[in-house]
Structure formats: structure tokens, C-alpha cells
PDB file of N, CA and C in Angstrom:
ATOM      1  N   UNK A   1      -6.263  -8.576   3.711  1.00  0.00           N
ATOM      2  CA  UNK A   1      -6.521  -8.006   2.422  1.00  0.00           C
ATOM      3  C   UNK A   1      -8.011  -7.975   2.162  1.00  0.00           C
ATOM      4  N   UNK A   2      -8.377  -7.142   1.238  1.00  0.00           N
ATOM      5  CA  UNK A   2      -9.779  -7.051   0.853  1.00  0.00           C
ATOM      6  C   UNK A   2     -10.103  -8.166  -0.135  1.00  0.00           C
ATOM      7  N   UNK A   3     -11.349  -8.604  -0.165  1.00  0.00           N
ATOM      8  CA  UNK A   3     -11.722  -9.615  -1.156  1.00  0.00           C
ATOM      9  C   UNK A   3     -11.664  -9.017  -2.557  1.00  0.00           C
ATOM     10  N   UNK A   4     -11.578  -9.867  -3.596  1.00  0.00           N
ATOM     11  CA  UNK A   4     -11.447  -9.335  -4.952  1.00  0.00           C
ATOM     12  C   UNK A   4     -12.666  -8.550  -5.432  1.00  0.00           C
ATOM     13  N   UNK A   5     -13.808  -8.727  -4.786  1.00  0.00           N
ATOM     14  CA  UNK A   5     -15.013  -7.986  -5.191  1.00  0.00           C
ATOM     15  C   UNK A   5     -15.335  -6.875  -4.203  1.00  0.00           C
ATOM     16  N   UNK A   6     -14.297  -6.254  -3.606  1.00  0.00           N
ATOM     17  CA  UNK A   6     -14.541  -5.247  -2.568  1.00  0.00           C
ATOM     18  C   UNK A   6     -15.305  -4.035  -3.091  1.00  0.00           C
ATOM     19  N   UNK A   7     -15.293  -3.802  -4.375  1.00  0.00           N
ATOM     20  CA  UNK A   7     -16.053  -2.686  -4.933  1.00  0.00           C
ATOM     21  C   UNK A   7     -17.547  -2.989  -4.934  1.00  0.00           C
ATOM     22  N   UNK A   8     -17.932  -4.273  -4.882  1.00  0.00           N
ATOM     23  CA  UNK A   8     -19.347  -4.649  -4.831  1.00  0.00           C
ATOM     24  C   UNK A   8     -19.799  -4.975  -3.410  1.00  0.00           C
ATOM     25  N   UNK A   9     -18.925  -5.536  -2.625  1.00  0.00           N
ATOM     26  CA  UNK A   9     -19.256  -6.042  -1.296  1.00  0.00           C
ATOM     27  C   UNK A   9     -19.003  -4.954  -0.256  1.00  0.00           C
ATOM     28  N   UNK A  10     -20.052  -4.338   0.241  1.00  0.00           N
ATOM     29  CA  UNK A  10     -19.899  -3.251   1.218  1.00  0.00           C
ATOM     30  C   UNK A  10     -19.272  -3.734   2.529  1.00  0.00           C
ATOM     31  N   UNK A  11     -19.392  -5.032   2.848  1.00  0.00           N
ATOM     32  CA  UNK A  11     -18.741  -5.553   4.052  1.00  0.00           C
ATOM     33  C   UNK A  11     -17.223  -5.482   3.935  1.00  0.00           C
ATOM     34  N   UNK A  12     -16.722  -5.441   2.704  1.00  0.00           N
ATOM     35  CA  UNK A  12     -15.271  -5.390   2.496  1.00  0.00           C
ATOM     36  C   UNK A  12     -14.662  -4.080   2.987  1.00  0.00           C
ATOM     37  N   UNK A  13     -15.498  -3.087   3.284  1.00  0.00           N
ATOM     38  CA  UNK A  13     -14.963  -1.840   3.830  1.00  0.00           C
ATOM     39  C   UNK A  13     -14.682  -1.944   5.319  1.00  0.00           C
ATOM     40  N   UNK A  14     -15.173  -3.012   5.945  1.00  0.00           N
ATOM     41  CA  UNK A  14     -14.911  -3.180   7.374  1.00  0.00           C
ATOM     42  C   UNK A  14     -14.396  -4.577   7.709  1.00  0.00           C
ATOM     43  N   UNK A  15     -14.336  -5.465   6.721  1.00  0.00           N
ATOM     44  CA  UNK A  15     -13.827  -6.812   6.937  1.00  0.00           C
ATOM     45  C   UNK A  15     -12.845  -7.165   5.835  1.00  0.00           C
ATOM     46  N   UNK A  16     -11.973  -8.077   6.119  1.00  0.00           N
ATOM     47  CA  UNK A  16     -11.015  -8.563   5.138  1.00  0.00           C
ATOM     48  C   UNK A  16     -10.608  -9.966   5.519  1.00  0.00           C
ATOM     49  N   UNK A  17      -9.551 -10.451   4.939  1.00  0.00           N
ATOM     50  CA  UNK A  17      -9.045 -11.751   5.359  1.00  0.00           C
ATOM     51  C   UNK A  17      -7.534 -11.724   5.407  1.00  0.00           C
ATOM     52  N   UNK A  18      -7.008 -12.607   6.227  1.00  0.00           N
ATOM     53  CA  UNK A  18      -5.575 -12.693   6.466  1.00  0.00           C
ATOM     54  C   UNK A  18      -4.997 -13.787   5.581  1.00  0.00           C
ATOM     55  N   UNK A  19      -3.912 -13.485   4.907  1.00  0.00           N
ATOM     56  CA  UNK A  19      -3.217 -14.482   4.100  1.00  0.00           C
ATOM     57  C   UNK A  19      -1.717 -14.270   4.271  1.00  0.00           C
ATOM     58  N   UNK A  20      -1.003 -15.352   4.442  1.00  0.00           N
ATOM     59  CA  UNK A  20       0.458 -15.296   4.516  1.00  0.00           C
ATOM     60  C   UNK A  20       0.996 -16.234   3.455  1.00  0.00           C
ATOM     61  N   UNK A  21       1.794 -15.698   2.565  1.00  0.00           N
ATOM     62  CA  UNK A  21       2.369 -16.480   1.478  1.00  0.00           C
ATOM     63  C   UNK A  21       3.873 -16.551   1.701  1.00  0.00           C
ATOM     64  N   UNK A  22       4.382 -17.767   1.819  1.00  0.00           N
ATOM     65  CA  UNK A  22       5.815 -17.979   2.050  1.00  0.00           C
ATOM     66  C   UNK A  22       6.449 -18.588   0.813  1.00  0.00           C
ATOM     67  N   UNK A  23       7.580 -18.056   0.417  1.00  0.00           N
ATOM     68  CA  UNK A  23       8.399 -18.622  -0.647  1.00  0.00           C
ATOM     69  C   UNK A  23       9.845 -18.551  -0.172  1.00  0.00           C
ATOM     70  N   UNK A  24      10.631 -19.561  -0.497  1.00  0.00           N
ATOM     71  CA  UNK A  24      12.027 -19.571  -0.060  1.00  0.00           C
ATOM     72  C   UNK A  24      12.817 -18.419  -0.667  1.00  0.00           C
ATOM     73  N   UNK A  25      12.549 -18.097  -1.928  1.00  0.00           N
ATOM     74  CA  UNK A  25      13.264 -17.022  -2.603  1.00  0.00           C
ATOM     75  C   UNK A  25      12.280 -16.269  -3.491  1.00  0.00           C
ATOM     76  N   UNK A  26      11.840 -15.098  -3.048  1.00  0.00           N
ATOM     77  CA  UNK A  26      10.851 -14.324  -3.796  1.00  0.00           C
ATOM     78  C   UNK A  26      11.389 -13.838  -5.139  1.00  0.00           C
ATOM     79  N   UNK A  27      12.705 -13.808  -5.293  1.00  0.00           N
ATOM     80  CA  UNK A  27      13.278 -13.332  -6.561  1.00  0.00           C
ATOM     81  C   UNK A  27      13.022 -14.296  -7.716  1.00  0.00           C
ATOM     82  N   UNK A  28      12.702 -15.557  -7.420  1.00  0.00           N
ATOM     83  CA  UNK A  28      12.485 -16.541  -8.489  1.00  0.00           C
ATOM     84  C   UNK A  28      11.011 -16.940  -8.631  1.00  0.00           C
ATOM     85  N   UNK A  29      10.134 -16.263  -7.950  1.00  0.00           N
ATOM     86  CA  UNK A  29       8.701 -16.576  -8.040  1.00  0.00           C
ATOM     87  C   UNK A  29       8.175 -16.024  -9.372  1.00  0.00           C
ATOM     88  N   UNK A  30       7.583 -16.893 -10.212  1.00  0.00           N
ATOM     89  CA  UNK A  30       7.075 -16.419 -11.513  1.00  0.00           C
ATOM     90  C   UNK A  30       5.877 -15.479 -11.332  1.00  0.00           C
ATOM     91  N   UNK A  31       5.708 -14.545 -12.265  1.00  0.00           N
ATOM     92  CA  UNK A  31       4.530 -13.665 -12.225  1.00  0.00           C
ATOM     93  C   UNK A  31       3.241 -14.476 -12.278  1.00  0.00           C
ATOM     94  N   UNK A  32       2.239 -14.001 -11.574  1.00  0.00           N
ATOM     95  CA  UNK A  32       0.897 -14.588 -11.550  1.00  0.00           C
ATOM     96  C   UNK A  32       0.872 -16.038 -11.049  1.00  0.00           C
ATOM     97  N   UNK A  33       1.859 -16.422 -10.261  1.00  0.00           N
ATOM     98  CA  UNK A  33       1.905 -17.806  -9.781  1.00  0.00           C
ATOM     99  C   UNK A  33       1.237 -17.993  -8.425  1.00  0.00           C
ATOM    100  N   UNK A  34       0.859 -16.909  -7.768  1.00  0.00           N
ATOM    101  CA  UNK A  34       0.167 -17.024  -6.487  1.00  0.00           C
ATOM    102  C   UNK A  34      -1.312 -17.224  -6.777  1.00  0.00           C
ATOM    103  N   UNK A  35      -1.882 -18.284  -6.233  1.00  0.00           N
ATOM    104  CA  UNK A  35      -3.254 -18.672  -6.539  1.00  0.00           C
ATOM    105  C   UNK A  35      -4.223 -18.232  -5.446  1.00  0.00           C
ATOM    106  N   UNK A  36      -5.506 -18.384  -5.726  1.00  0.00           N
ATOM    107  CA  UNK A  36      -6.529 -18.120  -4.720  1.00  0.00           C
ATOM    108  C   UNK A  36      -6.350 -19.017  -3.504  1.00  0.00           C
ATOM    109  N   UNK A  37      -5.871 -20.224  -3.725  1.00  0.00           N
ATOM    110  CA  UNK A  37      -5.597 -21.143  -2.609  1.00  0.00           C
ATOM    111  C   UNK A  37      -4.524 -20.545  -1.695  1.00  0.00           C
ATOM    112  N   UNK A  38      -3.499 -19.940  -2.278  1.00  0.00           N
ATOM    113  CA  UNK A  38      -2.434 -19.313  -1.482  1.00  0.00           C
ATOM    114  C   UNK A  38      -2.966 -18.149  -0.655  1.00  0.00           C
ATOM    115  N   UNK A  39      -3.991 -17.494  -1.173  1.00  0.00           N
ATOM    116  CA  UNK A  39      -4.502 -16.290  -0.525  1.00  0.00           C
ATOM    117  C   UNK A  39      -5.708 -16.539   0.376  1.00  0.00           C
ATOM    118  N   UNK A  40      -6.139 -17.786   0.487  1.00  0.00           N
ATOM    119  CA  UNK A  40      -7.282 -18.103   1.350  1.00  0.00           C
ATOM    120  C   UNK A  40      -6.886 -17.897   2.807  1.00  0.00           C
ATOM    121  N   UNK A  41      -7.757 -17.300   3.567  1.00  0.00           N
ATOM    122  CA  UNK A  41      -7.474 -17.071   4.975  1.00  0.00           C
ATOM    123  C   UNK A  41      -8.729 -16.676   5.716  1.00  0.00           C
ATOM    124  N   UNK A  42      -8.655 -16.638   7.034  1.00  0.00           N
ATOM    125  CA  UNK A  42      -9.837 -16.328   7.838  1.00  0.00           C
ATOM    126  C   UNK A  42     -10.262 -14.858   7.696  1.00  0.00           C
ATOM    127  N   UNK A  43     -11.588 -14.638   7.792  1.00  0.00           N
ATOM    128  CA  UNK A  43     -12.130 -13.280   7.790  1.00  0.00           C
ATOM    129  C   UNK A  43     -11.852 -12.624   9.125  1.00  0.00           C
ATOM    130  N   UNK A  44     -11.488 -11.354   9.091  1.00  0.00           N
ATOM    131  CA  UNK A  44     -11.208 -10.592  10.314  1.00  0.00           C
ATOM    132  C   UNK A  44     -11.778  -9.182  10.156  1.00  0.00           C
ATOM    133  N   UNK A  45     -11.961  -8.516  11.271  1.00  0.00           N
ATOM    134  CA  UNK A  45     -12.348  -7.108  11.224  1.00  0.00           C
ATOM    135  C   UNK A  45     -11.174  -6.318  10.659  1.00  0.00           C
ATOM    136  N   UNK A  46     -11.431  -5.472   9.695  1.00  0.00           N
ATOM    137  CA  UNK A  46     -10.361  -4.692   9.055  1.00  0.00           C
ATOM    138  C   UNK A  46     -10.896  -3.343   8.589  1.00  0.00           C
ATOM    139  N   UNK A  47     -11.267  -2.489   9.538  1.00  0.00           N
ATOM    140  CA  UNK A  47     -11.808  -1.193   9.121  1.00  0.00           C
ATOM    141  C   UNK A  47     -10.746  -0.365   8.404  1.00  0.00           C
ATOM    142  N   UNK A  48     -11.159   0.330   7.363  1.00  0.00           N
ATOM    143  CA  UNK A  48     -10.250   1.185   6.605  1.00  0.00           C
ATOM    144  C   UNK A  48     -10.443   2.621   7.063  1.00  0.00           C
ATOM    145  N   UNK A  49      -9.355   3.285   7.296  1.00  0.00           N
ATOM    146  CA  UNK A  49      -9.437   4.700   7.644  1.00  0.00           C
ATOM    147  C   UNK A  49      -9.053   5.520   6.421  1.00  0.00           C
ATOM    148  N   UNK A  50      -9.658   6.662   6.280  1.00  0.00           N
ATOM    149  CA  UNK A  50      -9.362   7.543   5.165  1.00  0.00           C
ATOM    150  C   UNK A  50      -8.233   8.473   5.583  1.00  0.00           C
ATOM    151  N   UNK A  51      -7.050   8.265   5.014  1.00  0.00           N
ATOM    152  CA  UNK A  51      -5.879   9.059   5.390  1.00  0.00           C
ATOM    153  C   UNK A  51      -5.395   9.925   4.236  1.00  0.00           C
ATOM    154  N   UNK A  52      -6.272  10.186   3.268  1.00  0.00           N
ATOM    155  CA  UNK A  52      -5.849  10.951   2.091  1.00  0.00           C
ATOM    156  C   UNK A  52      -5.278  12.318   2.456  1.00  0.00           C
ATOM    157  N   UNK A  53      -5.917  13.013   3.389  1.00  0.00           N
ATOM    158  CA  UNK A  53      -5.435  14.336   3.777  1.00  0.00           C
ATOM    159  C   UNK A  53      -4.066  14.229   4.452  1.00  0.00           C
ATOM    160  N   UNK A  54      -3.863  13.212   5.295  1.00  0.00           N
ATOM    161  CA  UNK A  54      -2.551  12.988   5.932  1.00  0.00           C
ATOM    162  C   UNK A  54      -1.462  12.792   4.884  1.00  0.00           C
ATOM    163  N   UNK A  55      -1.768  11.966   3.877  1.00  0.00           N
ATOM    164  CA  UNK A  55      -0.793  11.683   2.818  1.00  0.00           C
ATOM    165  C   UNK A  55      -0.432  12.973   2.091  1.00  0.00           C
ATOM    166  N   UNK A  56      -1.431  13.706   1.685  1.00  0.00           N
ATOM    167  CA  UNK A  56      -1.202  14.935   0.922  1.00  0.00           C
ATOM    168  C   UNK A  56      -0.367  15.929   1.725  1.00  0.00           C
ATOM    169  N   UNK A  57      -0.722  16.161   2.973  1.00  0.00           N
ATOM    170  CA  UNK A  57       0.009  17.114   3.802  1.00  0.00           C
ATOM    171  C   UNK A  57       1.435  16.656   4.062  1.00  0.00           C
ATOM    172  N   UNK A  58       1.604  15.372   4.387  1.00  0.00           N
ATOM    173  CA  UNK A  58       2.932  14.856   4.730  1.00  0.00           C
ATOM    174  C   UNK A  58       3.882  14.939   3.551  1.00  0.00           C
ATOM    175  N   UNK A  59       3.464  14.406   2.401  1.00  0.00           N
ATOM    176  CA  UNK A  59       4.368  14.375   1.250  1.00  0.00           C
ATOM    177  C   UNK A  59       4.499  15.754   0.615  1.00  0.00           C
ATOM    178  N   UNK A  60       3.449  16.551   0.589  1.00  0.00           N
ATOM    179  CA  UNK A  60       3.542  17.909   0.041  1.00  0.00           C
ATOM    180  C   UNK A  60       4.511  18.752   0.858  1.00  0.00           C
ATOM    181  N   UNK A  61       4.539  18.543   2.171  1.00  0.00           N
ATOM    182  CA  UNK A  61       5.469  19.269   3.029  1.00  0.00           C
ATOM    183  C   UNK A  61       6.909  18.850   2.820  1.00  0.00           C
ATOM    184  N   UNK A  62       7.106  17.648   2.304  1.00  0.00           N
ATOM    185  CA  UNK A  62       8.450  17.121   2.099  1.00  0.00           C
ATOM    186  C   UNK A  62       9.005  17.517   0.737  1.00  0.00           C
ATOM    187  N   UNK A  63       8.144  17.561  -0.282  1.00  0.00           N
ATOM    188  CA  UNK A  63       8.641  17.769  -1.637  1.00  0.00           C
ATOM    189  C   UNK A  63       7.668  18.589  -2.477  1.00  0.00           C
ATOM    190  N   UNK A  64       8.219  19.474  -3.279  1.00  0.00           N
ATOM    191  CA  UNK A  64       7.393  20.212  -4.234  1.00  0.00           C
ATOM    192  C   UNK A  64       7.129  19.365  -5.475  1.00  0.00           C
ATOM    193  N   UNK A  65       7.783  18.205  -5.591  1.00  0.00           N
ATOM    194  CA  UNK A  65       7.569  17.307  -6.727  1.00  0.00           C
ATOM    195  C   UNK A  65       6.309  16.469  -6.572  1.00  0.00           C
ATOM    196  N   UNK A  66       5.710  16.479  -5.405  1.00  0.00           N
ATOM    197  CA  UNK A  66       4.494  15.696  -5.149  1.00  0.00           C
ATOM    198  C   UNK A  66       3.354  16.311  -5.932  1.00  0.00           C
ATOM    199  N   UNK A  67       2.650  15.490  -6.660  1.00  0.00           N
ATOM    200  CA  UNK A  67       1.514  15.957  -7.450  1.00  0.00           C
ATOM    201  C   UNK A  67       0.257  15.812  -6.596  1.00  0.00           C
ATOM    202  N   UNK A  68      -0.281  16.913  -6.130  1.00  0.00           N
ATOM    203  CA  UNK A  68      -1.420  16.880  -5.206  1.00  0.00           C
ATOM    204  C   UNK A  68      -2.671  16.283  -5.835  1.00  0.00           C
ATOM    205  N   UNK A  69      -2.685  16.105  -7.156  1.00  0.00           N
ATOM    206  CA  UNK A  69      -3.834  15.495  -7.804  1.00  0.00           C
ATOM    207  C   UNK A  69      -3.915  13.996  -7.515  1.00  0.00           C
ATOM    208  N   UNK A  70      -2.809  13.401  -7.072  1.00  0.00           N
ATOM    209  CA  UNK A  70      -2.837  11.980  -6.732  1.00  0.00           C
ATOM    210  C   UNK A  70      -3.752  11.756  -5.539  1.00  0.00           C
ATOM    211  N   UNK A  71      -4.478  10.652  -5.561  1.00  0.00           N
ATOM    212  CA  UNK A  71      -5.365  10.302  -4.465  1.00  0.00           C
ATOM    213  C   UNK A  71      -4.589   9.419  -3.496  1.00  0.00           C
ATOM    214  N   UNK A  72      -3.898  10.035  -2.553  1.00  0.00           N
ATOM    215  CA  UNK A  72      -3.097   9.302  -1.585  1.00  0.00           C
ATOM    216  C   UNK A  72      -3.967   8.474  -0.660  1.00  0.00           C
ATOM    217  N   UNK A  73      -3.485   7.306  -0.283  1.00  0.00           N
ATOM    218  CA  UNK A  73      -4.260   6.391   0.563  1.00  0.00           C
ATOM    219  C   UNK A  73      -3.641   6.172   1.935  1.00  0.00           C
ATOM    220  N   UNK A  74      -2.324   6.032   1.970  1.00  0.00           N
ATOM    221  CA  UNK A  74      -1.671   5.750   3.254  1.00  0.00           C
ATOM    222  C   UNK A  74      -0.271   6.349   3.230  1.00  0.00           C
ATOM    223  N   UNK A  75       0.224   6.696   4.387  1.00  0.00           N
ATOM    224  CA  UNK A  75       1.569   7.246   4.508  1.00  0.00           C
ATOM    225  C   UNK A  75       2.157   6.795   5.842  1.00  0.00           C
ATOM    226  N   UNK A  76       3.434   6.466   5.845  1.00  0.00           N
ATOM    227  CA  UNK A  76       4.139   6.089   7.064  1.00  0.00           C
ATOM    228  C   UNK A  76       5.541   6.685   7.008  1.00  0.00           C
ATOM    229  N   UNK A  77       6.079   7.059   8.170  1.00  0.00           N
ATOM    230  CA  UNK A  77       7.448   7.561   8.241  1.00  0.00           C
ATOM    231  C   UNK A  77       8.339   6.468   8.797  1.00  0.00           C
ATOM    232  N   UNK A  78       9.510   6.298   8.182  1.00  0.00           N
ATOM    233  CA  UNK A  78      10.490   5.317   8.639  1.00  0.00           C
ATOM    234  C   UNK A  78      11.479   5.989   9.581  1.00  0.00           C
ATOM    235  N   UNK A  79      12.215   5.173  10.333  1.00  0.00           N
ATOM    236  CA  UNK A  79      13.123   5.711  11.345  1.00  0.00           C
ATOM    237  C   UNK A  79      14.258   6.532  10.738  1.00  0.00           C
ATOM    238  N   UNK A  80      14.597   6.316   9.480  1.00  0.00           N
ATOM    239  CA  UNK A  80      15.673   7.073   8.841  1.00  0.00           C
ATOM    240  C   UNK A  80      15.184   8.373   8.207  1.00  0.00           C
ATOM    241  N   UNK A  81      13.903   8.715   8.405  1.00  0.00           N
ATOM    242  CA  UNK A  81      13.364   9.957   7.896  1.00  0.00           C
ATOM    243  C   UNK A  81      12.656   9.840   6.560  1.00  0.00           C
ATOM    244  N   UNK A  82      12.774   8.680   5.899  1.00  0.00           N
ATOM    245  CA  UNK A  82      12.042   8.502   4.655  1.00  0.00           C
ATOM    246  C   UNK A  82      10.551   8.379   4.950  1.00  0.00           C
ATOM    247  N   UNK A  83       9.757   8.723   3.946  1.00  0.00           N
ATOM    248  CA  UNK A  83       8.312   8.579   4.028  1.00  0.00           C
ATOM    249  C   UNK A  83       7.899   7.644   2.912  1.00  0.00           C
ATOM    250  N   UNK A  84       7.055   6.661   3.214  1.00  0.00           N
ATOM    251  CA  UNK A  84       6.509   5.791   2.179  1.00  0.00           C
ATOM    252  C   UNK A  84       5.026   6.101   2.051  1.00  0.00           C
ATOM    253  N   UNK A  85       4.538   6.107   0.808  1.00  0.00           N
ATOM    254  CA  UNK A  85       3.154   6.455   0.541  1.00  0.00           C
ATOM    255  C   UNK A  85       2.573   5.535  -0.518  1.00  0.00           C
ATOM    256  N   UNK A  86       1.254   5.346  -0.464  1.00  0.00           N
ATOM    257  CA  UNK A  86       0.508   4.645  -1.502  1.00  0.00           C
ATOM    258  C   UNK A  86      -0.484   5.632  -2.090  1.00  0.00           C
ATOM    259  N   UNK A  87      -0.801   5.448  -3.365  1.00  0.00           N
ATOM    260  CA  UNK A  87      -1.722   6.362  -4.012  1.00  0.00           C
ATOM    261  C   UNK A  87      -2.276   5.730  -5.279  1.00  0.00           C
ATOM    262  N   UNK A  88      -3.241   6.385  -5.883  1.00  0.00           N
ATOM    263  CA  UNK A  88      -3.799   5.887  -7.133  1.00  0.00           C
ATOM    264  C   UNK A  88      -2.692   5.713  -8.156  1.00  0.00           C
ATOM    265  N   UNK A  89      -2.650   4.554  -8.783  1.00  0.00           N
ATOM    266  CA  UNK A  89      -1.671   4.288  -9.827  1.00  0.00           C
ATOM    267  C   UNK A  89      -0.297   3.902  -9.330  1.00  0.00           C
ATOM    268  N   UNK A  90      -0.087   3.913  -8.017  1.00  0.00           N
ATOM    269  CA  UNK A  90       1.217   3.560  -7.445  1.00  0.00           C
ATOM    270  C   UNK A  90       0.999   2.670  -6.221  1.00  0.00           C
ATOM    271  N   UNK A  91       1.599   1.477  -6.242  1.00  0.00           N
ATOM    272  CA  UNK A  91       1.493   0.579  -5.095  1.00  0.00           C
ATOM    273  C   UNK A  91       2.243   1.138  -3.893  1.00  0.00           C
ATOM    274  N   UNK A  92       3.453   1.648  -4.137  1.00  0.00           N
ATOM    275  CA  UNK A  92       4.263   2.174  -3.038  1.00  0.00           C
ATOM    276  C   UNK A  92       5.360   3.053  -3.606  1.00  0.00           C
ATOM    277  N   UNK A  93       5.660   4.154  -2.896  1.00  0.00           N
ATOM    278  CA  UNK A  93       6.808   4.973  -3.259  1.00  0.00           C
ATOM    279  C   UNK A  93       7.403   5.589  -2.003  1.00  0.00           C
ATOM    280  N   UNK A  94       8.730   5.490  -1.847  1.00  0.00           N
ATOM    281  CA  UNK A  94       9.405   6.139  -0.722  1.00  0.00           C
ATOM    282  C   UNK A  94       9.969   7.503  -1.139  1.00  0.00           C
ATOM    283  N   UNK A  95       9.905   8.447  -0.217  1.00  0.00           N
ATOM    284  CA  UNK A  95      10.442   9.790  -0.425  1.00  0.00           C
ATOM    285  C   UNK A  95      11.577  10.001   0.566  1.00  0.00           C
ATOM    286  N   UNK A  96      12.717  10.468   0.079  1.00  0.00           N
ATOM    287  CA  UNK A  96      13.885  10.728   0.914  1.00  0.00           C
ATOM    288  C   UNK A  96      13.682  12.005   1.720  1.00  0.00           C
ATOM    289  N   UNK A  97      14.383  12.163   2.841  1.00  0.00           N
ATOM    290  CA  UNK A  97      14.266  13.406   3.615  1.00  0.00           C
ATOM    291  C   UNK A  97      14.615  14.649   2.801  1.00  0.00           C
ATOM    292  N   UNK A  98      15.401  14.474   1.733  1.00  0.00           N
ATOM    293  CA  UNK A  98      15.763  15.598   0.869  1.00  0.00           C
ATOM    294  C   UNK A  98      14.589  16.082   0.021  1.00  0.00           C
ATOM    295  N   UNK A  99      13.498  15.291  -0.030  1.00  0.00           N
ATOM    296  CA  UNK A  99      12.350  15.661  -0.841  1.00  0.00           C
ATOM    297  C   UNK A  99      12.346  15.006  -2.213  1.00  0.00           C
ATOM    298  N   UNK A 100      13.294  14.104  -2.449  1.00  0.00           N
ATOM    299  CA  UNK A 100      13.363  13.403  -3.737  1.00  0.00           C
ATOM    300  C   UNK A 100      12.698  12.038  -3.615  1.00  0.00           C
ATOM    301  N   UNK A 101      11.867  11.693  -4.605  1.00  0.00           N
ATOM    302  CA  UNK A 101      11.268  10.359  -4.609  1.00  0.00           C
ATOM    303  C   UNK A 101      12.359   9.355  -4.925  1.00  0.00           C
ATOM    304  N   UNK A 102      12.450   8.306  -4.109  1.00  0.00           N
ATOM    305  CA  UNK A 102      13.509   7.318  -4.267  1.00  0.00           C
ATOM    306  C   UNK A 102      13.194   6.348  -5.410  1.00  0.00           C
ATOM    307  N   UNK A 103      11.990   5.825  -5.462  1.00  0.00           N
ATOM    308  CA  UNK A 103      11.523   4.922  -6.518  1.00  0.00           C
ATOM    309  C   UNK A 103      10.023   4.776  -6.381  1.00  0.00           C
ATOM    310  N   UNK A 104       9.389   4.118  -7.333  1.00  0.00           N
ATOM    311  CA  UNK A 104       7.942   3.912  -7.278  1.00  0.00           C
ATOM    312  C   UNK A 104       7.601   2.591  -7.946  1.00  0.00           C
ATOM    313  N   UNK A 105       6.638   1.878  -7.368  1.00  0.00           N
ATOM    314  CA  UNK A 105       6.088   0.673  -7.986  1.00  0.00           C
ATOM    315  C   UNK A 105       4.756   1.081  -8.587  1.00  0.00           C
ATOM    316  N   UNK A 106       4.751   1.266  -9.892  1.00  0.00           N
ATOM    317  CA  UNK A 106       3.544   1.723 -10.589  1.00  0.00           C
ATOM    318  C   UNK A 106       2.527   0.589 -10.697  1.00  0.00           C
ATOM    319  N   UNK A 107       1.261   0.974 -10.860  1.00  0.00           N
ATOM    320  CA  UNK A 107       0.172   0.007 -10.936  1.00  0.00           C
ATOM    321  C   UNK A 107      -0.909   0.569 -11.838  1.00  0.00           C
ATOM    322  N   UNK A 108      -1.279  -0.197 -12.855  1.00  0.00           N
ATOM    323  CA  UNK A 108      -2.339   0.253 -13.758  1.00  0.00           C
ATOM    324  C   UNK A 108      -3.721   0.121 -13.124  1.00  0.00           C
ATOM    325  N   UNK A 109      -3.808  -0.619 -12.031  1.00  0.00           N
ATOM    326  CA  UNK A 109      -5.083  -0.793 -11.340  1.00  0.00           C
ATOM    327  C   UNK A 109      -5.327   0.346 -10.368  1.00  0.00           C
ATOM    328  N   UNK A 110      -5.828  -0.002  -9.214  1.00  0.00           N
ATOM    329  CA  UNK A 110      -6.217   1.002  -8.237  1.00  0.00           C
ATOM    330  C   UNK A 110      -5.099   1.589  -7.413  1.00  0.00           C
ATOM    331  N   UNK A 111      -3.905   1.001  -7.472  1.00  0.00           N
ATOM    332  CA  UNK A 111      -2.813   1.489  -6.650  1.00  0.00           C
ATOM    333  C   UNK A 111      -2.883   0.899  -5.258  1.00  0.00           C
ATOM    334  N   UNK A 112      -1.983   1.343  -4.394  1.00  0.00           N
ATOM    335  CA  UNK A 112      -1.930   0.834  -3.034  1.00  0.00           C
ATOM    336  C   UNK A 112      -3.013   1.437  -2.165  1.00  0.00           C
ATOM    337  N   UNK A 113      -3.332   0.764  -1.076  1.00  0.00           N
ATOM    338  CA  UNK A 113      -4.361   1.244  -0.159  1.00  0.00           C
ATOM    339  C   UNK A 113      -3.858   1.358   1.281  1.00  0.00           C
ATOM    340  N   UNK A 114      -3.065   0.411   1.708  1.00  0.00           N
ATOM    341  CA  UNK A 114      -2.592   0.376   3.089  1.00  0.00           C
ATOM    342  C   UNK A 114      -1.102   0.073   3.109  1.00  0.00           C
ATOM    343  N   UNK A 115      -0.444   0.473   4.193  1.00  0.00           N
ATOM    344  CA  UNK A 115       0.970   0.183   4.390  1.00  0.00           C
ATOM    345  C   UNK A 115       1.124  -0.431   5.772  1.00  0.00           C
ATOM    346  N   UNK A 116       1.817  -1.532   5.846  1.00  0.00           N
ATOM    347  CA  UNK A 116       2.169  -2.140   7.122  1.00  0.00           C
ATOM    348  C   UNK A 116       3.687  -2.254   7.140  1.00  0.00           C
ATOM    349  N   UNK A 117       4.318  -1.569   8.059  1.00  0.00           N
ATOM    350  CA  UNK A 117       5.773  -1.558   8.149  1.00  0.00           C
ATOM    351  C   UNK A 117       6.225  -2.728   9.034  1.00  0.00           C
ATOM    352  N   UNK A 118       7.124  -3.554   8.500  1.00  0.00           N
ATOM    353  CA  UNK A 118       7.673  -4.671   9.272  1.00  0.00           C
ATOM    354  C   UNK A 118       8.558  -4.109  10.384  1.00  0.00           C
ATOM    355  N   UNK A 119       8.719  -4.844  11.480  1.00  0.00           N
ATOM    356  CA  UNK A 119       9.535  -4.352  12.590  1.00  0.00           C
ATOM    357  C   UNK A 119      10.953  -3.940  12.171  1.00  0.00           C
ATOM    358  N   UNK A 120      11.531  -4.624  11.186  1.00  0.00           N
ATOM    359  CA  UNK A 120      12.872  -4.270  10.732  1.00  0.00           C
ATOM    360  C   UNK A 120      12.863  -3.265   9.577  1.00  0.00           C
ATOM    361  N   UNK A 121      11.671  -2.728   9.263  1.00  0.00           N
ATOM    362  CA  UNK A 121      11.456  -1.770   8.187  1.00  0.00           C
ATOM    363  C   UNK A 121      11.907  -2.298   6.855  1.00  0.00           C
TER     364      UNK A 121
END
């Protein structure tokens, strides 16, 4: 992940840190309960690629409901044909092969930036 001051720290565009947070049951984790201690981790090389054009082309080709004004950040295709995307104001949203958005996790902040698909999707 990027450091919290990535907008000031130019190194944050090519470096980040690794954090793994484990909870037995994520459904019972209270909001805002993950601390800086939980997120502490080693610095690693983490160059960011600009995939805005990929996002726009991929999702626009799938659905006419896609608003091209969104600043897409990342897009990945799942094995079942769904596409997941991140964009300004949205942490993550999957699109069905039919072209219908399945759901969206809205965000008043900057929205999502990267997507990492787990092996089991």
C-alpha cells in the first residue's frame, strides 16, 4: 500500500509497504479498528502503472452504462467473464458479462487505485 502522505511523498509513486491484517471473522471487525500498528510493514518497490485508458476501453466496451467521465485506475477480468474496476469515488465495482454493474463500494475519498485478484478470485 501507499503511505498515507503519498500525495506529498514523490517516492510513494514507486515505493510502498506490505501489510497483512488477519482477523478470525471480518464480519465482526468494528469500523476504524485497524491501527497504524496493524498496517506497519516493510518498504518495497511498488511502481504504479497508469491503466486509465485500459479501464475506460474495457468497461465502455462491456456496458453503455459506464460513465466515461470516471477516472478509472485499474481493471481485471475474472474467469467467469465479470470485470472488476476501480475508479474515482469507487473502491471497487464488478460488471457482469451482460453489461450490468453488479454492485459498487463507494468512497468519498480518492477511490480505488489497484486490484489484486486472489487465486480463488
